[in-house]
Amino acid sequence: MSEQEWAAIVYGRTYHLDFRFITLPDNFDSQDAQWALSYITATTQQARNLAGSPRWSLFKNDAYCVVGVTCMVRDLIKPASSDLLSITKDDQGRPLYVFVGYVTQLKQQKKLTNFPPYGENCLDDFRDLYQEIAQVWLVKNYEEDKIKTSLSDYQRFSWKKSEILPDKQQIKFLNHYLKSPEQTHLWSSLPQQNSLLWQFSARCSLATATCLNINGKALSNSPFLNQSCSQVEQFQIKPRLAAVSLDNSISLDSSKTNSSPGLPLSQQISHRAKQDLDLTLHQAAKLATASQELINSFSNSANQSEPNAGIEANIANDAIDEAESFGFKTKKSSPSNNQDWF
């Protein structure tokens, strides 16, 4: 059995320019890139909690498996690398985070036999990947030839192998797309348990997605089927898509992304039909609630000059919450000099 070959994948921002794919495997097309991006951006939720707590993610479909870490750049660079310390912040002085990882092609053999081991805060297998960003650090938006995503080729790596401890319970509850695509299985974030989940996910012969070592609450509305979080005390099973908003549905349609990557076509159609039904019911409920609030507002505040102010504030707050749940940051107030960018 031949060992897997791996190609680099890097997503981050440079000194002047916003987040984008810096490096992709040389055989990735736009659909492959969009598939990977949906997982990578999910790992950037609650970005302020990344400091000192890198998130490990492993996701695979029928064609590829991606393994990587999402972390603060300063945690990725060795302390001795003083020459790189100047590229941990952007041109506004904001500390940066990054996703760095590797991609392997899955052919007949879906189970990985040679892959980067889970290391919690040890990022040695990924440190060299930041050179991909260092090489284009000062690129500006008018340098089109330098902005282009670089392509990486597949190579063999000798990863340190970890022994799997027998634990049938972990195997039993590991979620994949043929088991419970509508659910997320949640574990407490413990080093030994994370290592087991990482190994079982790598060796799973079916499409799955796992994100580990999340400092804080579980990632909401994410594509991950398995998560380990510091705020989870015991194993739980929860809906993967807690709420579907109208804006999110439009985004999925316009980009033609697959909301359940790895599923057979018939199951994808069934899944999308259920999403559409949930969306209709969700929007109907919101409309009914908003209408009732409007009626109550006029009834109870007839003498006030701005009877709809409370409703408008609630709608604005809802919009902010929905945006932040997908990793987008909204500007709530004018930043002071001491305020970080999260």
C-alpha atoms as a PDB file:
ATOM      1  CA  MET A   1       0.000   0.000   0.000  1.00  0.00           C
ATOM      2  CA  SER A   2       1.546   3.308  -1.079  1.00  0.00           C
ATOM      3  CA  GLU A   3       1.587   6.200   1.369  1.00  0.00           C
ATOM      4  CA  GLN A   4      -0.299   9.413   0.707  1.00  0.00           C
ATOM      5  CA  GLU A   5       1.365  12.423  -0.861  1.00  0.00           C
ATOM      6  CA  TRP A   6       0.487  15.889   0.403  1.00  0.00           C
ATOM      7  CA  ALA A   7       0.285  19.400  -1.065  1.00  0.00           C
ATOM      8  CA  ALA A   8       0.244  22.678   0.862  1.00  0.00           C
ATOM      9  CA  ILE A   9      -2.909  24.756   1.399  1.00  0.00           C
ATOM     10  CA  VAL A  10      -2.672  28.203   3.050  1.00  0.00           C
ATOM     11  CA  TYR A  11      -5.426  30.744   3.710  1.00  0.00           C
ATOM     12  CA  GLY A  12      -4.613  34.076   5.329  1.00  0.00           C
ATOM     13  CA  ARG A  13      -3.996  37.751   4.756  1.00  0.00           C
ATOM     14  CA  THR A  14      -0.834  39.749   4.049  1.00  0.00           C
ATOM     15  CA  TYR A  15       0.313  43.178   5.211  1.00  0.00           C
ATOM     16  CA  HIS A  16      -1.866  45.178   2.807  1.00  0.00           C
ATOM     17  CA  LEU A  17      -4.388  42.686   1.379  1.00  0.00           C
ATOM     18  CA  ASP A  18      -7.365  40.856   2.871  1.00  0.00           C
ATOM     19  CA  PHE A  19      -7.859  37.139   3.510  1.00  0.00           C
ATOM     20  CA  ARG A  20      -7.583  34.860   0.487  1.00  0.00           C
ATOM     21  CA  PHE A  21      -6.054  31.569  -0.598  1.00  0.00           C
ATOM     22  CA  ILE A  22      -2.310  32.119  -0.690  1.00  0.00           C
ATOM     23  CA  THR A  23      -1.552  28.541  -1.784  1.00  0.00           C
ATOM     24  CA  LEU A  24      -3.658  25.695  -3.213  1.00  0.00           C
ATOM     25  CA  PRO A  25      -2.827  22.247  -4.601  1.00  0.00           C
ATOM     26  CA  ASP A  26      -2.031  22.376  -8.311  1.00  0.00           C
ATOM     27  CA  ASN A  27      -5.027  20.168  -9.221  1.00  0.00           C
ATOM     28  CA  PHE A  28      -7.691  22.108  -7.268  1.00  0.00           C
ATOM     29  CA  ASP A  29     -10.436  23.702  -9.360  1.00  0.00           C
ATOM     30  CA  SER A  30     -12.824  26.452  -8.199  1.00  0.00           C
ATOM     31  CA  GLN A  31     -15.316  23.941  -6.799  1.00  0.00           C
ATOM     32  CA  ASP A  32     -12.615  22.194  -4.760  1.00  0.00           C
ATOM     33  CA  ALA A  33     -11.435  25.557  -3.432  1.00  0.00           C
ATOM     34  CA  GLN A  34     -14.982  26.545  -2.442  1.00  0.00           C
ATOM     35  CA  TRP A  35     -15.473  23.210  -0.689  1.00  0.00           C
ATOM     36  CA  ALA A  36     -12.312  23.730   1.379  1.00  0.00           C
ATOM     37  CA  LEU A  37     -13.144  27.377   2.067  1.00  0.00           C
ATOM     38  CA  SER A  38     -16.474  26.507   3.705  1.00  0.00           C
ATOM     39  CA  TYR A  39     -14.628  24.523   6.376  1.00  0.00           C
ATOM     40  CA  ILE A  40     -11.701  26.910   6.762  1.00  0.00           C
ATOM     41  CA  THR A  41     -13.864  29.989   7.353  1.00  0.00           C
ATOM     42  CA  ALA A  42     -15.919  28.036   9.899  1.00  0.00           C
ATOM     43  CA  THR A  43     -12.760  27.474  11.958  1.00  0.00           C
ATOM     44  CA  THR A  44     -12.283  31.246  12.239  1.00  0.00           C
ATOM     45  CA  GLN A  45     -15.449  31.798  14.281  1.00  0.00           C
ATOM     46  CA  GLN A  46     -14.802  33.360  17.703  1.00  0.00           C
ATOM     47  CA  ALA A  47     -11.362  34.374  16.428  1.00  0.00           C
ATOM     48  CA  ARG A  48     -10.492  36.112  19.702  1.00  0.00           C
ATOM     49  CA  ASN A  49     -10.327  32.650  21.322  1.00  0.00           C
ATOM     50  CA  LEU A  50      -7.566  31.419  18.998  1.00  0.00           C
ATOM     51  CA  ALA A  51      -4.715  32.881  21.055  1.00  0.00           C
ATOM     52  CA  GLY A  52      -2.807  29.977  22.600  1.00  0.00           C
ATOM     53  CA  SER A  53      -5.497  27.522  21.416  1.00  0.00           C
ATOM     54  CA  PRO A  54      -4.951  26.407  17.804  1.00  0.00           C
ATOM     55  CA  ARG A  55      -7.923  24.627  16.241  1.00  0.00           C
ATOM     56  CA  TRP A  56      -7.188  21.399  14.438  1.00  0.00           C
ATOM     57  CA  SER A  57      -9.434  20.463  11.545  1.00  0.00           C
ATOM     58  CA  LEU A  58      -9.689  17.401   9.320  1.00  0.00           C
ATOM     59  CA  PHE A  59     -12.300  17.188   6.575  1.00  0.00           C
ATOM     60  CA  LYS A  60     -12.680  14.809   3.676  1.00  0.00           C
ATOM     61  CA  ASN A  61     -15.005  14.036   0.801  1.00  0.00           C
ATOM     62  CA  ASP A  62     -14.686  11.302  -1.834  1.00  0.00           C
ATOM     63  CA  ALA A  63     -11.762  13.014  -3.581  1.00  0.00           C
ATOM     64  CA  TYR A  64      -9.648  14.829  -0.970  1.00  0.00           C
ATOM     65  CA  CYS A  65      -8.733  15.000   2.685  1.00  0.00           C
ATOM     66  CA  VAL A  66      -7.504  18.245   4.234  1.00  0.00           C
ATOM     67  CA  VAL A  67      -5.703  18.454   7.581  1.00  0.00           C
ATOM     68  CA  GLY A  68      -4.643  21.732   9.113  1.00  0.00           C
ATOM     69  CA  VAL A  69      -4.618  24.204  11.971  1.00  0.00           C
ATOM     70  CA  THR A  70      -6.209  27.620  12.417  1.00  0.00           C
ATOM     71  CA  CYS A  71      -4.198  29.722  14.839  1.00  0.00           C
ATOM     72  CA  MET A  72      -2.709  33.105  15.620  1.00  0.00           C
ATOM     73  CA  VAL A  73       0.330  33.781  13.463  1.00  0.00           C
ATOM     74  CA  ARG A  74       2.423  34.600  16.532  1.00  0.00           C
ATOM     75  CA  ASP A  75       1.695  31.094  17.892  1.00  0.00           C
ATOM     76  CA  LEU A  76       2.797  29.511  14.619  1.00  0.00           C
ATOM     77  CA  ILE A  77       6.188  31.228  14.430  1.00  0.00           C
ATOM     78  CA  LYS A  78       9.003  29.936  16.581  1.00  0.00           C
ATOM     79  CA  PRO A  79      10.222  32.421  19.222  1.00  0.00           C
ATOM     80  CA  ALA A  80      13.709  32.176  17.740  1.00  0.00           C
ATOM     81  CA  SER A  81      12.445  33.325  14.338  1.00  0.00           C
ATOM     82  CA  SER A  82      12.812  37.040  15.092  1.00  0.00           C
ATOM     83  CA  ASP A  83      13.017  37.785  11.382  1.00  0.00           C
ATOM     84  CA  LEU A  84       9.381  36.648  11.031  1.00  0.00           C
ATOM     85  CA  LEU A  85       7.950  38.426  14.064  1.00  0.00           C
ATOM     86  CA  SER A  86       7.391  41.568  11.983  1.00  0.00           C
ATOM     87  CA  ILE A  87       4.824  39.757   9.831  1.00  0.00           C
ATOM     88  CA  THR A  88       2.353  38.841  12.536  1.00  0.00           C
ATOM     89  CA  LYS A  89       0.270  42.037  12.152  1.00  0.00           C
ATOM     90  CA  ASP A  90      -1.330  43.813   9.201  1.00  0.00           C
ATOM     91  CA  ASP A  91      -0.881  47.433   8.113  1.00  0.00           C
ATOM     92  CA  GLN A  92      -3.396  48.534  10.780  1.00  0.00           C
ATOM     93  CA  GLY A  93      -1.425  46.832  13.549  1.00  0.00           C
ATOM     94  CA  ARG A  94      -4.031  44.092  14.010  1.00  0.00           C
ATOM     95  CA  PRO A  95      -2.768  40.649  15.103  1.00  0.00           C
ATOM     96  CA  LEU A  96      -3.358  38.045  12.396  1.00  0.00           C
ATOM     97  CA  TYR A  97      -4.627  34.484  12.347  1.00  0.00           C
ATOM     98  CA  VAL A  98      -4.118  31.972   9.563  1.00  0.00           C
ATOM     99  CA  PHE A  99      -5.080  28.512   8.318  1.00  0.00           C
ATOM    100  CA  VAL A 100      -2.191  26.312   7.222  1.00  0.00           C
ATOM    101  CA  GLY A 101      -2.488  22.673   6.213  1.00  0.00           C
ATOM    102  CA  TYR A 102      -2.016  19.865   3.741  1.00  0.00           C
ATOM    103  CA  VAL A 103      -4.217  18.135   1.173  1.00  0.00           C
ATOM    104  CA  THR A 104      -4.015  14.536   0.001  1.00  0.00           C
ATOM    105  CA  GLN A 105      -5.908  12.833  -2.811  1.00  0.00           C
ATOM    106  CA  LEU A 106      -8.244  10.001  -1.918  1.00  0.00           C
ATOM    107  CA  LYS A 107      -8.597   7.329  -4.558  1.00  0.00           C
ATOM    108  CA  GLN A 108      -9.537   3.748  -3.781  1.00  0.00           C
ATOM    109  CA  GLN A 109      -7.935   4.008  -0.359  1.00  0.00           C
ATOM    110  CA  LYS A 110     -10.018   6.367   1.804  1.00  0.00           C
ATOM    111  CA  LYS A 111      -8.316   5.573   5.089  1.00  0.00           C
ATOM    112  CA  LEU A 112      -5.202   7.622   5.779  1.00  0.00           C
ATOM    113  CA  THR A 113      -2.157   5.652   6.829  1.00  0.00           C
ATOM    114  CA  ASN A 114       0.372   8.488   6.980  1.00  0.00           C
ATOM    115  CA  PHE A 115      -0.828  11.866   8.249  1.00  0.00           C
ATOM    116  CA  PRO A 116       0.257  14.687  10.597  1.00  0.00           C
ATOM    117  CA  PRO A 117      -0.399  13.645  14.200  1.00  0.00           C
ATOM    118  CA  TYR A 118      -2.536  15.720  16.539  1.00  0.00           C
ATOM    119  CA  GLY A 119      -0.257  17.929  18.635  1.00  0.00           C
ATOM    120  CA  GLU A 120      -2.543  20.336  20.541  1.00  0.00           C
ATOM    121  CA  ASN A 121      -0.180  23.343  20.922  1.00  0.00           C
ATOM    122  CA  CYS A 122       2.736  21.738  19.068  1.00  0.00           C
ATOM    123  CA  LEU A 123       2.628  23.117  15.523  1.00  0.00           C
ATOM    124  CA  ASP A 124       6.026  21.921  14.273  1.00  0.00           C
ATOM    125  CA  ASP A 125       4.562  20.090  11.260  1.00  0.00           C
ATOM    126  CA  PHE A 126       2.920  23.310  10.030  1.00  0.00           C
ATOM    127  CA  ARG A 127       5.406  26.087  10.849  1.00  0.00           C
ATOM    128  CA  ASP A 128       7.227  26.038   7.507  1.00  0.00           C
ATOM    129  CA  LEU A 129       3.963  26.684   5.654  1.00  0.00           C
ATOM    130  CA  TYR A 130       3.924  30.301   6.800  1.00  0.00           C
ATOM    131  CA  GLN A 131       6.782  30.931   4.393  1.00  0.00           C
ATOM    132  CA  GLU A 132       4.085  30.856   1.697  1.00  0.00           C
ATOM    133  CA  ILE A 133       2.719  34.103   3.159  1.00  0.00           C
ATOM    134  CA  ALA A 134       6.127  35.579   3.937  1.00  0.00           C
ATOM    135  CA  GLN A 135       7.026  35.421   0.239  1.00  0.00           C
ATOM    136  CA  VAL A 136       4.131  37.711  -0.739  1.00  0.00           C
ATOM    137  CA  TRP A 137       3.887  39.715   2.474  1.00  0.00           C
ATOM    138  CA  LEU A 138       4.208  43.202   0.964  1.00  0.00           C
ATOM    139  CA  VAL A 139       2.175  42.642  -2.215  1.00  0.00           C
ATOM    140  CA  LYS A 140      -0.257  45.458  -3.095  1.00  0.00           C
ATOM    141  CA  ASN A 141      -3.564  45.233  -4.912  1.00  0.00           C
ATOM    142  CA  TYR A 142      -2.234  46.594  -8.219  1.00  0.00           C
ATOM    143  CA  GLU A 143       0.392  43.832  -8.497  1.00  0.00           C
ATOM    144  CA  GLU A 144      -1.937  41.364 -10.161  1.00  0.00           C
ATOM    145  CA  ASP A 145       0.750  38.867 -11.124  1.00  0.00           C
ATOM    146  CA  LYS A 146       1.838  38.552  -7.491  1.00  0.00           C
ATOM    147  CA  ILE A 147      -1.666  38.394  -6.012  1.00  0.00           C
ATOM    148  CA  LYS A 148      -2.448  35.175  -7.854  1.00  0.00           C
ATOM    149  CA  THR A 149      -2.719  32.047  -5.715  1.00  0.00           C
ATOM    150  CA  SER A 150       0.433  29.969  -5.891  1.00  0.00           C
ATOM    151  CA  LEU A 151       0.150  26.266  -6.705  1.00  0.00           C
ATOM    152  CA  SER A 152       1.721  23.518  -4.634  1.00  0.00           C
ATOM    153  CA  ASP A 153       2.654  20.048  -5.820  1.00  0.00           C
ATOM    154  CA  TYR A 154       2.164  16.750  -4.014  1.00  0.00           C
ATOM    155  CA  GLN A 155       5.097  15.344  -2.048  1.00  0.00           C
ATOM    156  CA  ARG A 156       5.795  12.602   0.431  1.00  0.00           C
ATOM    157  CA  PHE A 157       6.231  13.506   4.067  1.00  0.00           C
ATOM    158  CA  SER A 158       7.387  11.321   6.932  1.00  0.00           C
ATOM    159  CA  TRP A 159       4.996  12.150   9.723  1.00  0.00           C
ATOM    160  CA  LYS A 160       5.508  10.901  13.235  1.00  0.00           C
ATOM    161  CA  LYS A 161       3.008   8.087  13.750  1.00  0.00           C
ATOM    162  CA  SER A 162       0.759   7.823  16.788  1.00  0.00           C
ATOM    163  CA  GLU A 163      -0.503   4.592  18.244  1.00  0.00           C
ATOM    164  CA  ILE A 164      -4.264   4.225  18.425  1.00  0.00           C
ATOM    165  CA  LEU A 165      -5.608   3.082  21.758  1.00  0.00           C
ATOM    166  CA  PRO A 166      -8.580   0.710  21.467  1.00  0.00           C
ATOM    167  CA  ASP A 167     -11.753   2.615  22.240  1.00  0.00           C
ATOM    168  CA  LYS A 168     -14.865   1.244  20.608  1.00  0.00           C
ATOM    169  CA  GLN A 169     -17.021   3.995  22.066  1.00  0.00           C
ATOM    170  CA  GLN A 170     -15.131   6.671  20.132  1.00  0.00           C
ATOM    171  CA  ILE A 171     -15.514   4.740  16.888  1.00  0.00           C
ATOM    172  CA  LYS A 172     -19.213   4.192  17.567  1.00  0.00           C
ATOM    173  CA  PHE A 173     -19.981   7.880  18.049  1.00  0.00           C
ATOM    174  CA  LEU A 174     -17.726   9.384  15.366  1.00  0.00           C
ATOM    175  CA  ASN A 175     -20.120  11.136  12.994  1.00  0.00           C
ATOM    176  CA  HIS A 176     -19.921  11.016   9.180  1.00  0.00           C
ATOM    177  CA  TYR A 177     -22.197  12.002   6.300  1.00  0.00           C
ATOM    178  CA  LEU A 178     -23.903   8.618   5.995  1.00  0.00           C
ATOM    179  CA  LYS A 179     -24.668   8.589   9.707  1.00  0.00           C
ATOM    180  CA  SER A 180     -26.106  11.944  10.825  1.00  0.00           C
ATOM    181  CA  PRO A 181     -25.388  14.783   8.380  1.00  0.00           C
ATOM    182  CA  GLU A 182     -27.906  17.029  10.181  1.00  0.00           C
ATOM    183  CA  GLN A 183     -26.173  16.684  13.542  1.00  0.00           C
ATOM    184  CA  THR A 184     -22.960  17.697  15.274  1.00  0.00           C
ATOM    185  CA  HIS A 185     -21.380  15.362  17.813  1.00  0.00           C
ATOM    186  CA  LEU A 186     -19.729  17.321  20.614  1.00  0.00           C
ATOM    187  CA  TRP A 187     -16.974  16.207  22.984  1.00  0.00           C
ATOM    188  CA  SER A 188     -15.096  17.936  25.785  1.00  0.00           C
ATOM    189  CA  SER A 189     -11.686  19.098  24.608  1.00  0.00           C
ATOM    190  CA  LEU A 190      -9.195  16.756  26.284  1.00  0.00           C
ATOM    191  CA  PRO A 191      -5.730  16.015  24.796  1.00  0.00           C
ATOM    192  CA  GLN A 192      -5.988  12.213  24.734  1.00  0.00           C
ATOM    193  CA  GLN A 193      -9.570  12.249  23.487  1.00  0.00           C
ATOM    194  CA  ASN A 194      -8.702  14.797  20.790  1.00  0.00           C
ATOM    195  CA  SER A 195      -5.843  12.598  19.618  1.00  0.00           C
ATOM    196  CA  LEU A 196      -8.177   9.609  19.345  1.00  0.00           C
ATOM    197  CA  LEU A 197     -10.816  11.587  17.461  1.00  0.00           C
ATOM    198  CA  TRP A 198      -8.145  12.885  15.091  1.00  0.00           C
ATOM    199  CA  GLN A 199      -6.878   9.403  14.320  1.00  0.00           C
ATOM    200  CA  PHE A 200     -10.323   7.871  13.923  1.00  0.00           C
ATOM    201  CA  SER A 201     -11.344  10.706  11.594  1.00  0.00           C
ATOM    202  CA  ALA A 202      -8.235  10.192   9.462  1.00  0.00           C
ATOM    203  CA  ARG A 203      -8.907   6.468   9.223  1.00  0.00           C
ATOM    204  CA  CYS A 204     -12.636   6.835   8.562  1.00  0.00           C
ATOM    205  CA  SER A 205     -13.459   5.433   5.117  1.00  0.00           C
ATOM    206  CA  LEU A 206     -16.439   7.797   4.681  1.00  0.00           C
ATOM    207  CA  ALA A 207     -16.751  11.544   4.208  1.00  0.00           C
ATOM    208  CA  THR A 208     -16.502  13.290   7.565  1.00  0.00           C
ATOM    209  CA  ALA A 209     -15.357  16.548   9.168  1.00  0.00           C
ATOM    210  CA  THR A 210     -13.807  17.141  12.577  1.00  0.00           C
ATOM    211  CA  CYS A 211     -12.659  20.300  14.380  1.00  0.00           C
ATOM    212  CA  LEU A 212     -10.778  19.934  17.673  1.00  0.00           C
ATOM    213  CA  ASN A 213      -9.439  22.020  20.561  1.00  0.00           C
ATOM    214  CA  ILE A 214     -12.028  24.806  20.279  1.00  0.00           C
ATOM    215  CA  ASN A 215     -11.580  27.237  23.154  1.00  0.00           C
ATOM    216  CA  GLY A 216     -15.127  28.330  23.924  1.00  0.00           C
ATOM    217  CA  LYS A 217     -18.508  27.219  22.666  1.00  0.00           C
ATOM    218  CA  ALA A 218     -19.162  24.979  19.671  1.00  0.00           C
ATOM    219  CA  LEU A 219     -18.950  26.443  16.174  1.00  0.00           C
ATOM    220  CA  SER A 220     -22.486  27.342  15.103  1.00  0.00           C
ATOM    221  CA  ASN A 221     -24.002  26.592  11.695  1.00  0.00           C
ATOM    222  CA  SER A 222     -20.756  25.007  10.574  1.00  0.00           C
ATOM    223  CA  PRO A 223     -20.149  22.040   8.249  1.00  0.00           C
ATOM    224  CA  PHE A 224     -18.274  20.122  10.969  1.00  0.00           C
ATOM    225  CA  LEU A 225     -19.883  16.875  12.091  1.00  0.00           C
ATOM    226  CA  ASN A 226     -17.561  16.405  15.090  1.00  0.00           C
ATOM    227  CA  GLN A 227     -16.252  19.069  17.442  1.00  0.00           C
ATOM    228  CA  SER A 228     -14.399  19.172  20.748  1.00  0.00           C
ATOM    229  CA  CYS A 229     -14.859  22.316  22.843  1.00  0.00           C
ATOM    230  CA  SER A 230     -13.702  23.592  26.216  1.00  0.00           C
ATOM    231  CA  GLN A 231     -17.272  24.521  27.208  1.00  0.00           C
ATOM    232  CA  VAL A 232     -18.607  20.999  26.582  1.00  0.00           C
ATOM    233  CA  GLU A 233     -18.465  18.868  29.743  1.00  0.00           C
ATOM    234  CA  GLN A 234     -19.835  15.603  28.353  1.00  0.00           C
ATOM    235  CA  PHE A 235     -20.700  14.031  25.017  1.00  0.00           C
ATOM    236  CA  GLN A 236     -23.665  15.698  23.295  1.00  0.00           C
ATOM    237  CA  ILE A 237     -25.513  15.486  19.994  1.00  0.00           C
ATOM    238  CA  LYS A 238     -26.992  18.721  18.645  1.00  0.00           C
ATOM    239  CA  PRO A 239     -28.457  19.970  15.344  1.00  0.00           C
ATOM    240  CA  ARG A 240     -25.669  21.045  12.992  1.00  0.00           C
ATOM    241  CA  LEU A 241     -27.688  23.911  11.499  1.00  0.00           C
ATOM    242  CA  ALA A 242     -29.342  25.605  14.449  1.00  0.00           C
ATOM    243  CA  ALA A 243     -31.008  28.252  12.273  1.00  0.00           C
ATOM    244  CA  VAL A 244     -31.076  29.041   8.570  1.00  0.00           C
ATOM    245  CA  SER A 245     -31.330  32.708   7.571  1.00  0.00           C
ATOM    246  CA  LEU A 246     -32.558  34.110   4.277  1.00  0.00           C
ATOM    247  CA  ASP A 247     -29.171  35.703   3.534  1.00  0.00           C
ATOM    248  CA  ASN A 248     -27.382  32.399   4.069  1.00  0.00           C
ATOM    249  CA  SER A 249     -29.755  30.614   1.693  1.00  0.00           C
ATOM    250  CA  ILE A 250     -29.145  33.201  -1.028  1.00  0.00           C
ATOM    251  CA  SER A 251     -25.409  32.864  -0.533  1.00  0.00           C
ATOM    252  CA  LEU A 252     -25.593  29.120  -1.019  1.00  0.00           C
ATOM    253  CA  ASP A 253     -27.630  29.508  -4.204  1.00  0.00           C
ATOM    254  CA  SER A 254     -25.423  32.166  -5.771  1.00  0.00           C
ATOM    255  CA  SER A 255     -22.146  30.351  -5.141  1.00  0.00           C
ATOM    256  CA  LYS A 256     -23.673  26.950  -5.951  1.00  0.00           C
ATOM    257  CA  THR A 257     -21.879  25.435  -2.992  1.00  0.00           C
ATOM    258  CA  ASN A 258     -22.851  22.039  -1.617  1.00  0.00           C
ATOM    259  CA  SER A 259     -24.372  22.314   1.863  1.00  0.00           C
ATOM    260  CA  SER A 260     -23.590  18.644   2.518  1.00  0.00           C
ATOM    261  CA  PRO A 261     -20.307  17.822   0.757  1.00  0.00           C
ATOM    262  CA  GLY A 262     -19.674  14.121   0.366  1.00  0.00           C
ATOM    263  CA  LEU A 263     -23.334  13.053   0.222  1.00  0.00           C
ATOM    264  CA  PRO A 264     -24.781  11.130  -2.745  1.00  0.00           C
ATOM    265  CA  LEU A 265     -26.868  13.304  -5.079  1.00  0.00           C
ATOM    266  CA  SER A 266     -30.198  11.907  -3.893  1.00  0.00           C
ATOM    267  CA  GLN A 267     -29.338  12.707  -0.287  1.00  0.00           C
ATOM    268  CA  GLN A 268     -28.070  16.157  -1.255  1.00  0.00           C
ATOM    269  CA  ILE A 269     -31.439  16.914  -2.897  1.00  0.00           C
ATOM    270  CA  SER A 270     -33.324  15.634   0.142  1.00  0.00           C
ATOM    271  CA  HIS A 271     -31.084  17.650   2.441  1.00  0.00           C
ATOM    272  CA  ARG A 272     -31.576  20.836   0.439  1.00  0.00           C
ATOM    273  CA  ALA A 273     -35.349  20.328   0.287  1.00  0.00           C
ATOM    274  CA  LYS A 274     -35.419  20.056   4.076  1.00  0.00           C
ATOM    275  CA  GLN A 275     -33.323  23.229   4.333  1.00  0.00           C
ATOM    276  CA  ASP A 276     -35.749  25.085   2.075  1.00  0.00           C
ATOM    277  CA  LEU A 277     -38.715  23.919   4.164  1.00  0.00           C
ATOM    278  CA  ASP A 278     -36.975  24.914   7.387  1.00  0.00           C
ATOM    279  CA  LEU A 279     -36.173  28.290   5.851  1.00  0.00           C
ATOM    280  CA  THR A 280     -39.813  28.893   4.888  1.00  0.00           C
ATOM    281  CA  LEU A 281     -41.072  28.006   8.373  1.00  0.00           C
ATOM    282  CA  HIS A 282     -38.315  30.039  10.000  1.00  0.00           C
ATOM    283  CA  GLN A 283     -39.073  33.157   7.965  1.00  0.00           C
ATOM    284  CA  ALA A 284     -42.814  32.770   8.515  1.00  0.00           C
ATOM    285  CA  ALA A 285     -42.280  32.591  12.265  1.00  0.00           C
ATOM    286  CA  LYS A 286     -40.042  35.663  12.198  1.00  0.00           C
ATOM    287  CA  LEU A 287     -42.613  37.594  10.161  1.00  0.00           C
ATOM    288  CA  ALA A 288     -45.414  36.686  12.547  1.00  0.00           C
ATOM    289  CA  THR A 289     -43.321  37.684  15.555  1.00  0.00           C
ATOM    290  CA  ALA A 290     -42.234  40.963  13.995  1.00  0.00           C
ATOM    291  CA  SER A 291     -45.848  41.798  13.035  1.00  0.00           C
ATOM    292  CA  GLN A 292     -47.066  41.154  16.567  1.00  0.00           C
ATOM    293  CA  GLU A 293     -44.248  43.258  18.009  1.00  0.00           C
ATOM    294  CA  LEU A 294     -45.174  46.074  15.644  1.00  0.00           C
ATOM    295  CA  ILE A 295     -48.823  45.963  16.705  1.00  0.00           C
ATOM    296  CA  ASN A 296     -47.856  45.912  20.386  1.00  0.00           C
ATOM    297  CA  SER A 297     -45.439  48.768  19.853  1.00  0.00           C
ATOM    298  CA  PHE A 298     -48.108  51.000  18.299  1.00  0.00           C
ATOM    299  CA  SER A 299     -50.606  50.076  21.002  1.00  0.00           C
ATOM    300  CA  ASN A 300     -48.300  50.687  23.959  1.00  0.00           C
ATOM    301  CA  SER A 301     -46.266  53.613  22.619  1.00  0.00           C
ATOM    302  CA  ALA A 302     -48.755  55.744  20.723  1.00  0.00           C
ATOM    303  CA  ASN A 303     -47.453  58.930  22.340  1.00  0.00           C
ATOM    304  CA  GLN A 304     -43.785  58.253  21.683  1.00  0.00           C
ATOM    305  CA  SER A 305     -42.078  59.939  18.767  1.00  0.00           C
ATOM    306  CA  GLU A 306     -40.210  56.824  17.643  1.00  0.00           C
ATOM    307  CA  PRO A 307     -42.464  53.806  18.233  1.00  0.00           C
ATOM    308  CA  ASN A 308     -40.414  51.453  16.052  1.00  0.00           C
ATOM    309  CA  ALA A 309     -37.011  52.160  17.575  1.00  0.00           C
ATOM    310  CA  GLY A 310     -36.994  49.004  19.705  1.00  0.00           C
ATOM    311  CA  ILE A 311     -37.930  46.777  16.778  1.00  0.00           C
ATOM    312  CA  GLU A 312     -35.285  48.338  14.549  1.00  0.00           C
ATOM    313  CA  ALA A 313     -32.664  47.816  17.251  1.00  0.00           C
ATOM    314  CA  ASN A 314     -33.626  44.146  17.589  1.00  0.00           C
ATOM    315  CA  ILE A 315     -33.436  43.620  13.838  1.00  0.00           C
ATOM    316  CA  ALA A 316     -30.018  45.297  13.728  1.00  0.00           C
ATOM    317  CA  ASN A 317     -28.751  43.132  16.591  1.00  0.00           C
ATOM    318  CA  ASP A 318     -30.074  39.995  14.863  1.00  0.00           C
ATOM    319  CA  ALA A 319     -28.200  40.939  11.717  1.00  0.00           C
ATOM    320  CA  ILE A 320     -24.969  41.431  13.678  1.00  0.00           C
ATOM    321  CA  ASP A 321     -25.364  38.075  15.462  1.00  0.00           C
ATOM    322  CA  GLU A 322     -25.984  36.233  12.185  1.00  0.00           C
ATOM    323  CA  ALA A 323     -22.957  37.835  10.548  1.00  0.00           C
ATOM    324  CA  GLU A 324     -20.649  37.039  13.447  1.00  0.00           C
ATOM    325  CA  SER A 325     -21.827  33.416  13.590  1.00  0.00           C
ATOM    326  CA  PHE A 326     -20.255  32.876  10.177  1.00  0.00           C
ATOM    327  CA  GLY A 327     -16.895  34.373  11.118  1.00  0.00           C
ATOM    328  CA  PHE A 328     -17.537  37.886   9.754  1.00  0.00           C
ATOM    329  CA  LYS A 329     -16.732  40.730  12.104  1.00  0.00           C
ATOM    330  CA  THR A 330     -18.939  43.808  12.281  1.00  0.00           C
ATOM    331  CA  LYS A 331     -17.858  47.209  13.483  1.00  0.00           C
ATOM    332  CA  LYS A 332     -19.991  47.971  16.537  1.00  0.00           C
ATOM    333  CA  SER A 333     -18.189  51.090  17.731  1.00  0.00           C
ATOM    334  CA  SER A 334     -15.222  53.271  16.922  1.00  0.00           C
ATOM    335  CA  PRO A 335     -12.097  51.405  18.008  1.00  0.00           C
ATOM    336  CA  SER A 336      -9.768  52.954  20.542  1.00  0.00           C
ATOM    337  CA  ASN A 337      -6.013  52.595  20.408  1.00  0.00           C
ATOM    338  CA  ASN A 338      -6.104  49.784  22.957  1.00  0.00           C
ATOM    339  CA  GLN A 339      -8.875  47.748  21.317  1.00  0.00           C
ATOM    340  CA  ASP A 340      -7.916  44.577  19.467  1.00  0.00           C
ATOM    341  CA  TRP A 341      -9.344  43.868  16.032  1.00  0.00           C
ATOM    342  CA  PHE A 342     -11.629  41.010  17.027  1.00  0.00           C
END
